[in-house]
Amino acid sequence: MAEEKRKGPRHIGLISLAGAFVTYTLIFSLLTGHLVTPFEGKGFGFLVILLLYVVFRVVLTFALWLWVRSSVRKS
């Protein structure tokens, strides 16, 4: 029988996306001195958010992996 492929936690993607939007808004708002939304940057804003999303996703996945690994070792 074919085994089902186990998927990772889905909430990491949503948390990463939310973190990317918030980080983009905070950083560029502080740099410009007024509130900047992610949609004002057009193509550049999308690329920055995509880059931030990947960074957040890698960091959260790595942190989750370390947490699971340490909890398995304690058992």
N, C-alpha and C. Protein backbone atom coordinates (compact mmCIF):
# COMPACT_ATOMS: atom_id res chain seq x y z
N MET A 1 0.83 -1.18 0.00
CA MET A 1 0.00 0.00 0.00
C MET A 1 0.88 1.25 0.00
N ALA A 2 0.37 2.25 -0.62
CA ALA A 2 1.10 3.51 -0.66
C ALA A 2 0.94 4.25 0.66
N GLU A 3 2.04 4.70 1.18
CA GLU A 3 1.99 5.46 2.42
C GLU A 3 1.71 6.93 2.11
N GLU A 4 0.92 7.53 2.98
CA GLU A 4 0.64 8.95 2.81
C GLU A 4 1.84 9.76 3.27
N LYS A 5 2.16 10.77 2.51
CA LYS A 5 3.28 11.62 2.86
C LYS A 5 2.86 12.55 4.00
N ARG A 6 3.66 12.56 5.06
CA ARG A 6 3.34 13.40 6.21
C ARG A 6 3.71 14.83 5.89
N LYS A 7 2.78 15.72 6.11
CA LYS A 7 3.01 17.14 5.86
C LYS A 7 3.42 17.81 7.16
N GLY A 8 4.23 18.84 7.03
CA GLY A 8 4.65 19.61 8.19
C GLY A 8 3.50 20.46 8.69
N PRO A 9 3.72 21.13 9.80
CA PRO A 9 2.67 21.99 10.34
C PRO A 9 2.31 23.12 9.37
N ARG A 10 1.04 23.31 9.14
CA ARG A 10 0.59 24.32 8.19
C ARG A 10 0.65 25.73 8.78
N HIS A 11 0.61 25.82 10.08
CA HIS A 11 0.57 27.15 10.70
C HIS A 11 1.90 27.89 10.56
N ILE A 12 2.99 27.20 10.26
CA ILE A 12 4.28 27.87 10.08
C ILE A 12 4.22 28.81 8.88
N GLY A 13 3.56 28.40 7.82
CA GLY A 13 3.44 29.25 6.64
C GLY A 13 2.65 30.51 6.92
N LEU A 14 1.56 30.38 7.65
CA LEU A 14 0.74 31.54 7.97
C LEU A 14 1.46 32.50 8.91
N ILE A 15 2.16 31.95 9.89
CA ILE A 15 2.91 32.78 10.82
C ILE A 15 4.04 33.49 10.08
N SER A 16 4.68 32.79 9.17
CA SER A 16 5.77 33.39 8.39
C SER A 16 5.26 34.51 7.51
N LEU A 17 4.12 34.31 6.88
CA LEU A 17 3.56 35.34 6.02
C LEU A 17 3.15 36.57 6.82
N ALA A 18 2.52 36.35 7.96
CA ALA A 18 2.13 37.47 8.82
C ALA A 18 3.36 38.21 9.34
N GLY A 19 4.38 37.47 9.72
CA GLY A 19 5.61 38.09 10.19
C GLY A 19 6.30 38.90 9.10
N ALA A 20 6.25 38.41 7.87
CA ALA A 20 6.85 39.14 6.75
C ALA A 20 6.12 40.45 6.50
N PHE A 21 4.79 40.43 6.52
CA PHE A 21 4.02 41.66 6.32
C PHE A 21 4.28 42.67 7.43
N VAL A 22 4.27 42.21 8.66
CA VAL A 22 4.48 43.12 9.80
C VAL A 22 5.89 43.69 9.78
N THR A 23 6.88 42.84 9.51
CA THR A 23 8.26 43.30 9.47
C THR A 23 8.46 44.32 8.35
N TYR A 24 7.91 44.05 7.17
CA TYR A 24 8.02 44.99 6.06
C TYR A 24 7.40 46.33 6.42
N THR A 25 6.20 46.29 7.00
CA THR A 25 5.51 47.53 7.36
C THR A 25 6.29 48.31 8.40
N LEU A 26 6.80 47.65 9.43
CA LEU A 26 7.55 48.35 10.49
C LEU A 26 8.85 48.95 9.97
N ILE A 27 9.62 48.16 9.24
CA ILE A 27 10.93 48.63 8.78
C ILE A 27 10.79 49.81 7.83
N PHE A 28 9.95 49.67 6.81
CA PHE A 28 9.84 50.73 5.83
C PHE A 28 9.07 51.95 6.36
N SER A 29 8.20 51.75 7.35
CA SER A 29 7.55 52.89 7.97
C SER A 29 8.54 53.69 8.80
N LEU A 30 9.43 53.01 9.50
CA LEU A 30 10.46 53.70 10.27
C LEU A 30 11.45 54.42 9.35
N LEU A 31 11.79 53.82 8.23
CA LEU A 31 12.74 54.44 7.31
C LEU A 31 12.18 55.67 6.61
N THR A 32 10.90 55.62 6.25
CA THR A 32 10.30 56.73 5.50
C THR A 32 9.68 57.79 6.40
N GLY A 33 9.30 57.44 7.60
CA GLY A 33 8.70 58.40 8.51
C GLY A 33 7.19 58.46 8.45
N HIS A 34 6.57 57.66 7.62
CA HIS A 34 5.11 57.57 7.58
C HIS A 34 4.71 56.12 7.36
N LEU A 35 3.45 55.80 7.58
CA LEU A 35 2.98 54.42 7.48
C LEU A 35 3.05 53.95 6.02
N VAL A 36 3.75 52.86 5.82
CA VAL A 36 3.90 52.27 4.49
C VAL A 36 3.20 50.91 4.51
N THR A 37 2.34 50.69 3.54
CA THR A 37 1.70 49.38 3.41
C THR A 37 2.50 48.54 2.42
N PRO A 38 2.40 47.23 2.50
CA PRO A 38 3.16 46.37 1.58
C PRO A 38 2.76 46.56 0.12
N PHE A 39 1.60 47.12 -0.15
CA PHE A 39 1.14 47.25 -1.53
C PHE A 39 1.62 48.53 -2.19
N GLU A 40 2.25 49.43 -1.42
CA GLU A 40 2.76 50.67 -2.00
C GLU A 40 4.05 50.45 -2.77
N GLY A 41 4.81 49.43 -2.42
CA GLY A 41 6.09 49.21 -3.05
C GLY A 41 6.02 48.55 -4.41
N LYS A 42 4.85 48.16 -4.84
CA LYS A 42 4.63 47.47 -6.12
C LYS A 42 5.49 46.22 -6.18
N GLY A 43 6.31 46.06 -7.20
CA GLY A 43 7.11 44.85 -7.37
C GLY A 43 8.18 44.68 -6.31
N PHE A 44 8.79 45.78 -5.90
CA PHE A 44 9.84 45.72 -4.88
C PHE A 44 9.29 45.22 -3.55
N GLY A 45 8.12 45.71 -3.16
CA GLY A 45 7.52 45.28 -1.90
C GLY A 45 7.21 43.80 -1.90
N PHE A 46 6.73 43.30 -3.04
CA PHE A 46 6.43 41.87 -3.14
C PHE A 46 7.70 41.03 -2.99
N LEU A 47 8.78 41.47 -3.61
CA LEU A 47 10.04 40.73 -3.51
C LEU A 47 10.59 40.73 -2.09
N VAL A 48 10.49 41.87 -1.41
CA VAL A 48 10.97 41.94 -0.03
C VAL A 48 10.12 41.04 0.87
N ILE A 49 8.81 41.06 0.68
CA ILE A 49 7.93 40.22 1.49
C ILE A 49 8.21 38.74 1.21
N LEU A 50 8.45 38.39 -0.04
CA LEU A 50 8.78 37.01 -0.40
C LEU A 50 10.08 36.58 0.26
N LEU A 51 11.07 37.43 0.25
CA LEU A 51 12.35 37.13 0.89
C LEU A 51 12.17 36.98 2.41
N LEU A 52 11.45 37.90 3.02
CA LEU A 52 11.19 37.81 4.46
C LEU A 52 10.40 36.56 4.81
N TYR A 53 9.44 36.18 3.97
CA TYR A 53 8.66 34.97 4.19
C TYR A 53 9.56 33.74 4.22
N VAL A 54 10.48 33.66 3.26
CA VAL A 54 11.39 32.51 3.21
C VAL A 54 12.28 32.48 4.44
N VAL A 55 12.77 33.65 4.84
CA VAL A 55 13.64 33.70 6.03
C VAL A 55 12.87 33.27 7.28
N PHE A 56 11.68 33.82 7.47
CA PHE A 56 10.87 33.43 8.63
C PHE A 56 10.53 31.94 8.61
N ARG A 57 10.20 31.42 7.44
CA ARG A 57 9.82 30.01 7.33
C ARG A 57 11.00 29.10 7.69
N VAL A 58 12.18 29.42 7.18
CA VAL A 58 13.37 28.61 7.48
C VAL A 58 13.69 28.67 8.97
N VAL A 59 13.65 29.86 9.54
CA VAL A 59 13.97 30.01 10.96
C VAL A 59 12.96 29.26 11.84
N LEU A 60 11.67 29.42 11.54
CA LEU A 60 10.65 28.72 12.35
C LEU A 60 10.72 27.21 12.18
N THR A 61 10.98 26.73 10.97
CA THR A 61 11.11 25.29 10.76
C THR A 61 12.30 24.74 11.51
N PHE A 62 13.42 25.46 11.46
CA PHE A 62 14.62 25.03 12.17
C PHE A 62 14.38 25.03 13.68
N ALA A 63 13.71 26.07 14.19
CA ALA A 63 13.42 26.15 15.63
C ALA A 63 12.49 25.02 16.06
N LEU A 64 11.48 24.72 15.24
CA LEU A 64 10.57 23.62 15.55
C LEU A 64 11.31 22.29 15.54
N TRP A 65 12.20 22.12 14.56
CA TRP A 65 12.98 20.89 14.48
C TRP A 65 13.86 20.71 15.72
N LEU A 66 14.51 21.81 16.16
CA LEU A 66 15.33 21.73 17.37
C LEU A 66 14.50 21.43 18.60
N TRP A 67 13.31 22.03 18.69
CA TRP A 67 12.44 21.80 19.84
C TRP A 67 11.98 20.34 19.89
N VAL A 68 11.58 19.80 18.76
CA VAL A 68 11.14 18.40 18.71
C VAL A 68 12.30 17.48 19.03
N ARG A 69 13.46 17.77 18.49
CA ARG A 69 14.64 16.94 18.72
C ARG A 69 15.03 16.93 20.19
N SER A 70 14.97 18.10 20.84
CA SER A 70 15.34 18.15 22.26
C SER A 70 14.31 17.45 23.13
N SER A 71 13.04 17.54 22.76
CA SER A 71 12.00 16.87 23.56
C SER A 71 12.06 15.35 23.37
N VAL A 72 12.49 14.88 22.21
CA VAL A 72 12.64 13.43 21.99
C VAL A 72 13.84 12.91 22.77
N ARG A 73 14.91 13.68 22.82
CA ARG A 73 16.09 13.27 23.57
C ARG A 73 15.81 13.17 25.07
N LYS A 74 14.94 14.06 25.59
CA LYS A 74 14.62 14.03 27.01
C LYS A 74 13.80 12.81 27.37
N SER A 75 13.04 12.30 26.42
CA SER A 75 12.18 11.14 26.71
C SER A 75 12.94 9.86 26.81
